[in-house]
Amino acid sequence: MTDNEFRLLLEAAVCGDREALDSLLALYMPLINRLSSYAGNLDEDCRQYIMLHIVLHISEFRI
């Protein structure tokens, strides 16, 4: 994905495009999973917490 494609995806997600938000979450899922792991085990609650905060606050992001 190019920088421009990412910027367009992010702008669409910030504006409320659900498909763009889903694509953004999919793009960052490896990082979310890594940050949600403790001692090699995935903590589903932590993962959902991170994803919930992304969804709730994406509209506040300034590009």
Foldseek 3Di string as FASTA:
>chain_A
DDPVVLVVLLVCVLVPDPVSLVVVCVVCVVVLQVVQDDPRDGDVVSSVVVSVCCNVCSNVDDD
